[in-house]
Amino acid sequence: MPKCEICLKGPKKAANRSHSKVKTLRRQKPNLQKLDNHKVCTKCRRTITKKFAEMTA
């Protein structure tokens, strides 16, 4: 199961709705990226790069 290694954000349940309002369950997976051999969601990745930029500036 894909999870962010920092905030532990994982997949959520969502529903596809047809024209006749029939609900079909599906999974919404988080947008994970590799950052230095770690699986990190994009929100955490942006926060990390922002903090790193503040430290070096």
PDB file of N, CA and C in Angstrom:
ATOM      1  N   MET A   1       0.846  -1.171   0.000  1.00  0.00           N
ATOM      2  CA  MET A   1       0.000   0.000   0.000  1.00  0.00           C
ATOM      3  C   MET A   1       0.898   1.243   0.000  1.00  0.00           C
ATOM      4  N   PRO A   2       0.722   2.153  -0.982  1.00  0.00           N
ATOM      5  CA  PRO A   2       1.582   3.334  -1.059  1.00  0.00           C
ATOM      6  C   PRO A   2       1.258   4.342   0.039  1.00  0.00           C
ATOM      7  N   LYS A   3       2.293   4.798   0.730  1.00  0.00           N
ATOM      8  CA  LYS A   3       2.139   5.798   1.785  1.00  0.00           C
ATOM      9  C   LYS A   3       3.322   6.747   1.753  1.00  0.00           C
ATOM     10  N   CYS A   4       3.078   7.971   2.142  1.00  0.00           N
ATOM     11  CA  CYS A   4       4.156   8.943   2.294  1.00  0.00           C
ATOM     12  C   CYS A   4       4.922   8.583   3.567  1.00  0.00           C
ATOM     13  N   GLU A   5       6.249   8.614   3.496  1.00  0.00           N
ATOM     14  CA  GLU A   5       7.066   8.226   4.644  1.00  0.00           C
ATOM     15  C   GLU A   5       7.154   9.323   5.703  1.00  0.00           C
ATOM     16  N   ILE A   6       6.702  10.528   5.390  1.00  0.00           N
ATOM     17  CA  ILE A   6       6.782  11.630   6.349  1.00  0.00           C
ATOM     18  C   ILE A   6       5.442  11.842   7.054  1.00  0.00           C
ATOM     19  N   CYS A   7       4.392  12.080   6.274  1.00  0.00           N
ATOM     20  CA  CYS A   7       3.096  12.384   6.882  1.00  0.00           C
ATOM     21  C   CYS A   7       2.168  11.176   6.916  1.00  0.00           C
ATOM     22  N   LEU A   8       2.587  10.040   6.379  1.00  0.00           N
ATOM     23  CA  LEU A   8       1.821   8.792   6.345  1.00  0.00           C
ATOM     24  C   LEU A   8       0.493   8.920   5.593  1.00  0.00           C
ATOM     25  N   LYS A   9       0.455   9.832   4.622  1.00  0.00           N
ATOM     26  CA  LYS A   9      -0.743   9.972   3.795  1.00  0.00           C
ATOM     27  C   LYS A   9      -0.873   8.734   2.926  1.00  0.00           C
ATOM     28  N   GLY A  10      -2.051   8.117   2.939  1.00  0.00           N
ATOM     29  CA  GLY A  10      -2.279   6.898   2.185  1.00  0.00           C
ATOM     30  C   GLY A  10      -3.462   7.029   1.244  1.00  0.00           C
ATOM     31  N   PRO A  11      -3.858   5.940   0.622  1.00  0.00           N
ATOM     32  CA  PRO A  11      -4.984   5.999  -0.313  1.00  0.00           C
ATOM     33  C   PRO A  11      -6.313   6.244   0.394  1.00  0.00           C
ATOM     34  N   LYS A  12      -7.225   6.890  -0.325  1.00  0.00           N
ATOM     35  CA  LYS A  12      -8.562   7.180   0.193  1.00  0.00           C
ATOM     36  C   LYS A  12      -9.595   6.541  -0.714  1.00  0.00           C
ATOM     37  N   LYS A  13     -10.796   6.352  -0.178  1.00  0.00           N
ATOM     38  CA  LYS A  13     -11.885   5.799  -0.979  1.00  0.00           C
ATOM     39  C   LYS A  13     -12.650   6.938  -1.622  1.00  0.00           C
ATOM     40  N   ALA A  14     -13.023   6.725  -2.879  1.00  0.00           N
ATOM     41  CA  ALA A  14     -13.837   7.689  -3.610  1.00  0.00           C
ATOM     42  C   ALA A  14     -14.827   6.909  -4.448  1.00  0.00           C
ATOM     43  N   ALA A  15     -15.719   7.615  -5.110  1.00  0.00           N
ATOM     44  CA  ALA A  15     -16.739   6.942  -5.892  1.00  0.00           C
ATOM     45  C   ALA A  15     -16.855   7.569  -7.273  1.00  0.00           C
ATOM     46  N   ASN A  16     -16.918   6.727  -8.294  1.00  0.00           N
ATOM     47  CA  ASN A  16     -17.291   7.164  -9.630  1.00  0.00           C
ATOM     48  C   ASN A  16     -18.804   7.161  -9.689  1.00  0.00           C
ATOM     49  N   ARG A  17     -19.382   8.190 -10.281  1.00  0.00           N
ATOM     50  CA  ARG A  17     -20.837   8.269 -10.414  1.00  0.00           C
ATOM     51  C   ARG A  17     -21.198   8.294 -11.890  1.00  0.00           C
ATOM     52  N   SER A  18     -22.049   7.364 -12.284  1.00  0.00           N
ATOM     53  CA  SER A  18     -22.505   7.326 -13.665  1.00  0.00           C
ATOM     54  C   SER A  18     -23.671   8.289 -13.849  1.00  0.00           C
ATOM     55  N   HIS A  19     -24.143   8.385 -15.066  1.00  0.00           N
ATOM     56  CA  HIS A  19     -25.281   9.261 -15.358  1.00  0.00           C
ATOM     57  C   HIS A  19     -26.528   8.825 -14.592  1.00  0.00           C
ATOM     58  N   SER A  20     -26.640   7.518 -14.352  1.00  0.00           N
ATOM     59  CA  SER A  20     -27.801   7.006 -13.609  1.00  0.00           C
ATOM     60  C   SER A  20     -27.557   6.993 -12.096  1.00  0.00           C
ATOM     61  N   LYS A  21     -26.499   7.659 -11.650  1.00  0.00           N
ATOM     62  CA  LYS A  21     -26.156   7.805 -10.226  1.00  0.00           C
ATOM     63  C   LYS A  21     -25.748   6.494  -9.560  1.00  0.00           C
ATOM     64  N   VAL A  22     -25.276   5.526 -10.339  1.00  0.00           N
ATOM     65  CA  VAL A  22     -24.757   4.284  -9.769  1.00  0.00           C
ATOM     66  C   VAL A  22     -23.363   4.579  -9.219  1.00  0.00           C
ATOM     67  N   LYS A  23     -23.130   4.173  -7.971  1.00  0.00           N
ATOM     68  CA  LYS A  23     -21.844   4.450  -7.321  1.00  0.00           C
ATOM     69  C   LYS A  23     -20.916   3.254  -7.486  1.00  0.00           C
ATOM     70  N   THR A  24     -19.707   3.507  -7.995  1.00  0.00           N
ATOM     71  CA  THR A  24     -18.676   2.487  -8.122  1.00  0.00           C
ATOM     72  C   THR A  24     -17.473   2.938  -7.301  1.00  0.00           C
ATOM     73  N   LEU A  25     -17.113   2.170  -6.283  1.00  0.00           N
ATOM     74  CA  LEU A  25     -16.006   2.565  -5.409  1.00  0.00           C
ATOM     75  C   LEU A  25     -14.665   2.382  -6.104  1.00  0.00           C
ATOM     76  N   ARG A  26     -13.754   3.301  -5.828  1.00  0.00           N
ATOM     77  CA  ARG A  26     -12.400   3.235  -6.360  1.00  0.00           C
ATOM     78  C   ARG A  26     -11.458   3.813  -5.318  1.00  0.00           C
ATOM     79  N   ARG A  27     -10.153   3.746  -5.585  1.00  0.00           N
ATOM     80  CA  ARG A  27      -9.157   4.280  -4.663  1.00  0.00           C
ATOM     81  C   ARG A  27      -8.463   5.480  -5.273  1.00  0.00           C
ATOM     82  N   GLN A  28      -8.262   6.516  -4.468  1.00  0.00           N
ATOM     83  CA  GLN A  28      -7.464   7.659  -4.877  1.00  0.00           C
ATOM     84  C   GLN A  28      -6.119   7.533  -4.178  1.00  0.00           C
ATOM     85  N   LYS A  29      -5.073   7.355  -4.962  1.00  0.00           N
ATOM     86  CA  LYS A  29      -3.744   7.184  -4.389  1.00  0.00           C
ATOM     87  C   LYS A  29      -3.048   8.538  -4.269  1.00  0.00           C
ATOM     88  N   PRO A  30      -2.209   8.724  -3.249  1.00  0.00           N
ATOM     89  CA  PRO A  30      -1.468   9.978  -3.133  1.00  0.00           C
ATOM     90  C   PRO A  30      -0.407  10.081  -4.230  1.00  0.00           C
ATOM     91  N   ASN A  31      -0.054  11.302  -4.576  1.00  0.00           N
ATOM     92  CA  ASN A  31       0.949  11.550  -5.612  1.00  0.00           C
ATOM     93  C   ASN A  31       2.329  11.432  -4.974  1.00  0.00           C
ATOM     94  N   LEU A  32       2.926  10.244  -5.045  1.00  0.00           N
ATOM     95  CA  LEU A  32       4.214  10.000  -4.410  1.00  0.00           C
ATOM     96  C   LEU A  32       5.354  10.213  -5.403  1.00  0.00           C
ATOM     97  N   GLN A  33       6.424  10.825  -4.917  1.00  0.00           N
ATOM     98  CA  GLN A  33       7.626  11.077  -5.696  1.00  0.00           C
ATOM     99  C   GLN A  33       8.814  10.513  -4.921  1.00  0.00           C
ATOM    100  N   LYS A  34       9.878  10.163  -5.635  1.00  0.00           N
ATOM    101  CA  LYS A  34      11.093   9.705  -4.957  1.00  0.00           C
ATOM    102  C   LYS A  34      11.990  10.901  -4.678  1.00  0.00           C
ATOM    103  N   LEU A  35      12.391  11.035  -3.434  1.00  0.00           N
ATOM    104  CA  LEU A  35      13.281  12.108  -3.018  1.00  0.00           C
ATOM    105  C   LEU A  35      14.369  11.487  -2.152  1.00  0.00           C
ATOM    106  N   ASP A  36      15.561  11.340  -2.703  1.00  0.00           N
ATOM    107  CA  ASP A  36      16.692  10.715  -1.995  1.00  0.00           C
ATOM    108  C   ASP A  36      16.327   9.331  -1.473  1.00  0.00           C
ATOM    109  N   ASN A  37      15.758   8.491  -2.327  1.00  0.00           N
ATOM    110  CA  ASN A  37      15.399   7.108  -2.008  1.00  0.00           C
ATOM    111  C   ASN A  37      14.275   6.983  -0.976  1.00  0.00           C
ATOM    112  N   HIS A  38      13.445   8.008  -0.847  1.00  0.00           N
ATOM    113  CA  HIS A  38      12.277   7.972   0.037  1.00  0.00           C
ATOM    114  C   HIS A  38      11.041   8.287  -0.781  1.00  0.00           C
ATOM    115  N   LYS A  39       9.930   7.619  -0.459  1.00  0.00           N
ATOM    116  CA  LYS A  39       8.658   7.915  -1.107  1.00  0.00           C
ATOM    117  C   LYS A  39       7.971   9.032  -0.332  1.00  0.00           C
ATOM    118  N   VAL A  40       7.788  10.173  -0.987  1.00  0.00           N
ATOM    119  CA  VAL A  40       7.274  11.365  -0.330  1.00  0.00           C
ATOM    120  C   VAL A  40       6.146  11.946  -1.176  1.00  0.00           C
ATOM    121  N   CYS A  41       5.068  12.398  -0.534  1.00  0.00           N
ATOM    122  CA  CYS A  41       3.990  13.044  -1.286  1.00  0.00           C
ATOM    123  C   CYS A  41       4.455  14.435  -1.725  1.00  0.00           C
ATOM    124  N   THR A  42       3.783  14.985  -2.714  1.00  0.00           N
ATOM    125  CA  THR A  42       4.227  16.247  -3.301  1.00  0.00           C
ATOM    126  C   THR A  42       4.133  17.411  -2.305  1.00  0.00           C
ATOM    127  N   LYS A  43       3.159  17.367  -1.409  1.00  0.00           N
ATOM    128  CA  LYS A  43       3.043  18.438  -0.417  1.00  0.00           C
ATOM    129  C   LYS A  43       4.252  18.452   0.519  1.00  0.00           C
ATOM    130  N   CYS A  44       4.679  17.275   0.969  1.00  0.00           N
ATOM    131  CA  CYS A  44       5.853  17.182   1.842  1.00  0.00           C
ATOM    132  C   CYS A  44       7.123  17.550   1.074  1.00  0.00           C
ATOM    133  N   ARG A  45       7.182  17.166  -0.188  1.00  0.00           N
ATOM    134  CA  ARG A  45       8.358  17.484  -1.006  1.00  0.00           C
ATOM    135  C   ARG A  45       8.523  18.987  -1.162  1.00  0.00           C
ATOM    136  N   ARG A  46       7.420  19.687  -1.396  1.00  0.00           N
ATOM    137  CA  ARG A  46       7.478  21.145  -1.515  1.00  0.00           C
ATOM    138  C   ARG A  46       7.925  21.784  -0.206  1.00  0.00           C
ATOM    139  N   THR A  47       7.426  21.261   0.919  1.00  0.00           N
ATOM    140  CA  THR A  47       7.788  21.795   2.226  1.00  0.00           C
ATOM    141  C   THR A  47       9.274  21.572   2.498  1.00  0.00           C
ATOM    142  N   ILE A  48       9.765  20.390   2.166  1.00  0.00           N
ATOM    143  CA  ILE A  48      11.187  20.072   2.396  1.00  0.00           C
ATOM    144  C   ILE A  48      12.072  20.981   1.568  1.00  0.00           C
ATOM    145  N   THR A  49      11.748  21.158   0.281  1.00  0.00           N
ATOM    146  CA  THR A  49      12.591  22.008  -0.581  1.00  0.00           C
ATOM    147  C   THR A  49      12.528  23.466  -0.125  1.00  0.00           C
ATOM    148  N   LYS A  50      11.368  23.916   0.370  1.00  0.00           N
ATOM    149  CA  LYS A  50      11.231  25.275   0.862  1.00  0.00           C
ATOM    150  C   LYS A  50      12.095  25.478   2.107  1.00  0.00           C
ATOM    151  N   LYS A  51      12.041  24.541   3.041  1.00  0.00           N
ATOM    152  CA  LYS A  51      12.848  24.652   4.263  1.00  0.00           C
ATOM    153  C   LYS A  51      14.349  24.600   3.936  1.00  0.00           C
ATOM    154  N   PHE A  52      14.716  23.758   2.967  1.00  0.00           N
ATOM    155  CA  PHE A  52      16.114  23.645   2.578  1.00  0.00           C
ATOM    156  C   PHE A  52      16.602  24.950   1.940  1.00  0.00           C
ATOM    157  N   ALA A  53      15.729  25.572   1.122  1.00  0.00           N
ATOM    158  CA  ALA A  53      16.089  26.837   0.485  1.00  0.00           C
ATOM    159  C   ALA A  53      16.262  27.944   1.528  1.00  0.00           C
ATOM    160  N   GLU A  54      15.427  27.945   2.564  1.00  0.00           N
ATOM    161  CA  GLU A  54      15.543  28.946   3.622  1.00  0.00           C
ATOM    162  C   GLU A  54      16.829  28.752   4.420  1.00  0.00           C
ATOM    163  N   MET A  55      17.231  27.496   4.624  1.00  0.00           N
ATOM    164  CA  MET A  55      18.446  27.215   5.389  1.00  0.00           C
ATOM    165  C   MET A  55      19.683  27.646   4.618  1.00  0.00           C
ATOM    166  N   THR A  56      19.691  27.455   3.307  1.00  0.00           N
ATOM    167  CA  THR A  56      20.890  27.786   2.521  1.00  0.00           C
ATOM    168  C   THR A  56      20.955  29.259   2.155  1.00  0.00           C
ATOM    169  N   ALA A  57      19.825  29.965   2.179  1.00  0.00           N
ATOM    170  CA  ALA A  57      19.827  31.385   1.792  1.00  0.00           C
ATOM    171  C   ALA A  57      20.231  32.278   2.935  1.00  0.00           C
TER     172      ALA A  57
END
